[in-house]
N, C-alpha and C. Protein backbone atom coordinates (compact mmCIF):
# COMPACT_ATOMS: atom_id res chain seq x y z
N MET A 1 27.28 22.95 -123.15
CA MET A 1 26.10 22.47 -121.76
C MET A 1 26.93 23.91 -121.18
N ASN A 2 26.39 24.35 -120.34
CA ASN A 2 26.75 24.81 -119.31
C ASN A 2 27.64 24.35 -117.93
N GLN A 3 28.93 25.14 -117.19
CA GLN A 3 29.58 24.22 -116.33
C GLN A 3 28.80 23.93 -115.32
N ALA A 4 26.95 24.05 -114.89
CA ALA A 4 26.47 23.67 -113.95
C ALA A 4 25.91 22.24 -114.11
N THR A 5 25.81 22.38 -116.04
CA THR A 5 24.87 21.01 -116.47
C THR A 5 26.41 20.07 -116.61
N ILE A 6 27.43 20.33 -115.94
CA ILE A 6 28.30 18.95 -116.48
C ILE A 6 28.67 19.20 -114.76
N ASP A 7 28.68 19.72 -114.12
CA ASP A 7 28.44 19.68 -112.55
C ASP A 7 28.17 18.40 -112.41
N LEU A 8 26.87 18.83 -112.22
CA LEU A 8 25.58 17.93 -112.14
C LEU A 8 25.83 17.09 -112.82
N LEU A 9 25.94 16.28 -114.04
CA LEU A 9 26.19 15.49 -114.52
C LEU A 9 27.75 14.68 -113.45
N ASP A 10 28.44 15.05 -113.36
CA ASP A 10 29.78 14.55 -112.73
C ASP A 10 29.14 13.50 -111.26
N ALA A 11 28.29 14.77 -110.94
CA ALA A 11 27.55 14.07 -109.44
C ALA A 11 26.94 13.10 -109.26
N ILE A 12 26.10 13.06 -110.45
CA ILE A 12 25.38 11.98 -110.27
C ILE A 12 26.08 10.86 -110.93
N SER A 13 27.07 11.02 -111.72
CA SER A 13 27.56 9.70 -111.99
C SER A 13 27.91 9.64 -110.48
N GLN A 14 28.84 10.21 -109.69
CA GLN A 14 29.89 9.92 -108.69
C GLN A 14 29.15 8.92 -107.61
N GLN A 15 27.60 9.87 -107.74
CA GLN A 15 26.41 8.74 -106.66
C GLN A 15 25.38 7.40 -106.62
N LEU A 16 25.62 7.67 -108.56
CA LEU A 16 25.54 6.54 -109.18
C LEU A 16 26.44 4.94 -109.23
N GLN A 17 27.70 6.13 -109.52
CA GLN A 17 28.95 4.49 -109.13
C GLN A 17 29.47 3.92 -107.46
N ASP A 18 28.77 5.10 -106.82
CA ASP A 18 28.97 5.16 -104.94
C ASP A 18 27.85 4.01 -105.12
N ARG A 19 26.68 4.39 -105.29
CA ARG A 19 25.22 3.40 -105.07
C ARG A 19 25.40 1.97 -106.08
N ALA A 20 26.23 1.70 -106.59
CA ALA A 20 26.07 0.97 -107.05
C ALA A 20 26.79 0.12 -107.02
N LEU A 21 28.17 0.13 -106.01
CA LEU A 21 29.36 -0.40 -105.61
C LEU A 21 28.43 -1.37 -103.80
N ALA A 22 27.56 -0.10 -103.47
CA ALA A 22 27.22 -0.70 -102.21
C ALA A 22 25.80 -1.69 -102.81
N LEU A 23 25.62 -1.30 -103.50
CA LEU A 23 24.17 -2.83 -104.14
C LEU A 23 25.28 -3.93 -104.11
N SER A 24 25.99 -3.95 -105.10
CA SER A 24 27.79 -4.66 -105.92
C SER A 24 26.96 -5.88 -105.01
N GLN A 25 27.37 -5.57 -103.34
CA GLN A 25 27.40 -6.72 -102.25
C GLN A 25 26.54 -7.28 -102.26
N SER A 26 25.46 -7.04 -102.63
CA SER A 26 23.77 -7.51 -101.89
C SER A 26 24.36 -8.91 -102.17
N PRO A 27 24.11 -9.87 -101.14
CA PRO A 27 23.20 -11.01 -101.76
C PRO A 27 22.42 -11.29 -102.49
N SER A 28 21.54 -10.69 -103.29
CA SER A 28 20.27 -10.72 -104.05
C SER A 28 20.55 -10.83 -105.34
N GLN A 29 20.02 -11.55 -106.02
CA GLN A 29 20.02 -11.08 -107.90
C GLN A 29 19.87 -10.15 -107.75
N GLU A 30 18.59 -9.09 -107.87
CA GLU A 30 18.00 -8.09 -107.82
C GLU A 30 18.61 -6.77 -107.35
N GLY A 31 19.40 -6.98 -106.37
CA GLY A 31 20.68 -5.94 -105.82
C GLY A 31 21.92 -6.53 -107.47
N GLN A 32 22.06 -6.61 -107.30
CA GLN A 32 23.39 -7.16 -108.16
C GLN A 32 23.04 -6.67 -109.34
N ASP A 33 21.05 -7.06 -109.94
CA ASP A 33 21.32 -6.22 -111.31
C ASP A 33 20.55 -4.82 -110.99
N HIS A 34 20.36 -4.65 -109.98
CA HIS A 34 20.12 -2.63 -109.33
C HIS A 34 22.04 -2.19 -109.80
N ALA A 35 22.00 -2.98 -109.26
CA ALA A 35 24.24 -2.12 -109.05
C ALA A 35 24.75 -2.58 -110.40
N LEU A 36 23.83 -3.36 -111.00
CA LEU A 36 24.23 -2.95 -112.94
C LEU A 36 23.65 -1.90 -113.60
N MET A 37 23.25 -1.78 -113.14
CA MET A 37 22.01 -1.05 -114.49
C MET A 37 22.81 1.18 -112.86
N MET A 38 22.89 0.46 -112.68
CA MET A 38 23.49 1.60 -112.25
C MET A 38 24.62 2.03 -112.54
N SER A 39 25.18 1.22 -112.63
CA SER A 39 26.66 1.21 -112.95
C SER A 39 26.73 1.26 -114.82
N ALA A 40 25.87 1.27 -115.53
CA ALA A 40 25.63 1.45 -116.39
C ALA A 40 25.32 3.15 -116.71
N LEU A 41 24.13 3.14 -116.00
CA LEU A 41 23.85 4.58 -115.99
C LEU A 41 24.87 5.20 -115.76
N ALA A 42 25.93 5.52 -114.81
CA ALA A 42 26.92 6.57 -114.48
C ALA A 42 28.37 6.15 -115.57
N THR A 43 28.49 4.81 -116.40
CA THR A 43 28.97 4.94 -117.34
C THR A 43 28.81 6.01 -118.40
N LEU A 44 27.00 5.87 -118.61
CA LEU A 44 26.76 6.44 -119.82
C LEU A 44 26.68 8.20 -119.13
N THR A 45 26.80 8.50 -118.15
CA THR A 45 26.42 9.95 -117.87
C THR A 45 28.19 10.03 -117.94
N ALA A 46 29.22 9.16 -117.76
CA ALA A 46 30.62 9.90 -118.35
C ALA A 46 30.84 9.91 -119.82
N ALA A 47 30.17 9.37 -120.46
CA ALA A 47 30.20 9.40 -121.66
C ALA A 47 29.84 10.29 -122.12
N VAL A 48 28.60 11.02 -122.25
CA VAL A 48 28.00 12.13 -122.13
C VAL A 48 29.55 13.43 -122.14
N ARG A 49 29.59 14.00 -120.86
CA ARG A 49 30.59 14.90 -120.29
C ARG A 49 31.32 14.91 -120.67
N THR A 50 32.02 13.67 -121.66
CA THR A 50 33.06 13.55 -122.32
C THR A 50 32.80 13.49 -123.84
N LEU A 51 31.62 13.21 -124.30
CA LEU A 51 31.54 14.39 -125.76
C LEU A 51 31.50 15.27 -125.44
N ASP A 52 30.34 16.02 -124.68
CA ASP A 52 30.53 17.19 -124.70
C ASP A 52 31.95 18.23 -124.71
N ASP A 53 33.43 17.73 -123.98
CA ASP A 53 34.13 17.89 -124.12
C ASP A 53 34.74 18.15 -125.00
N ASP A 54 34.15 16.52 -126.28
CA ASP A 54 35.32 16.65 -127.82
C ASP A 54 34.39 17.66 -127.83
N VAL A 55 32.87 17.82 -128.32
CA VAL A 55 32.58 18.67 -128.76
C VAL A 55 33.27 20.48 -129.53
N ALA A 56 33.35 20.31 -127.65
CA ALA A 56 33.84 21.67 -127.36
C ALA A 56 34.89 22.41 -127.80
N ARG A 57 36.00 20.54 -127.66
CA ARG A 57 37.47 20.64 -128.71
C ARG A 57 36.90 20.94 -130.12
N LEU A 58 36.25 21.15 -130.58
CA LEU A 58 35.81 20.14 -132.34
C LEU A 58 35.30 22.04 -132.46
N ASP A 59 34.38 22.04 -131.95
CA ASP A 59 33.94 23.67 -132.05
C ASP A 59 34.81 25.22 -132.35
N GLY A 60 35.97 24.92 -131.61
CA GLY A 60 36.75 25.91 -131.41
C GLY A 60 36.38 27.20 -130.05
N PRO A 61 37.53 27.94 -130.31
CA PRO A 61 37.50 29.22 -129.97
C PRO A 61 36.44 29.59 -129.94
N LYS A 62 35.65 30.28 -128.30
CA LYS A 62 34.29 31.65 -129.01
C LYS A 62 34.21 32.09 -129.70
N GLY A 63 34.01 32.99 -130.15
CA GLY A 63 34.40 34.15 -131.32
C GLY A 63 34.75 34.23 -133.59
N ILE A 64 34.77 32.99 -132.95
CA ILE A 64 34.86 32.23 -134.04
C ILE A 64 34.13 32.10 -134.92
N GLY A 65 33.63 31.93 -134.96
CA GLY A 65 31.72 31.25 -135.93
C GLY A 65 31.37 29.96 -134.47
N ALA A 66 31.59 30.51 -133.46
CA ALA A 66 31.72 28.47 -132.32
C ALA A 66 30.15 28.75 -132.13
N ALA A 67 29.54 27.63 -131.57
CA ALA A 67 28.44 27.80 -131.85
C ALA A 67 29.06 28.47 -130.02
N GLY A 68 27.43 29.12 -129.75
CA GLY A 68 27.09 29.58 -128.10
C GLY A 68 28.05 31.04 -128.20
N SER A 69 28.49 31.71 -129.34
CA SER A 69 29.32 33.09 -128.98
C SER A 69 27.83 34.39 -129.18
């Protein structure tokens, strides 16, 4: 992933977390359900970000057969 994609994932994750927090205060079950789904999506985007970090670390430095070199 390039830096723009990583930055976008970080921004979307933060927006989802903020919106989930706001919706979790809703008295309706529907609002709370939406909050749960947004929280799960935020967790998923964070996991994708972490996976990218792990792959980059396992791939090694560029120029030594690393992907994208």
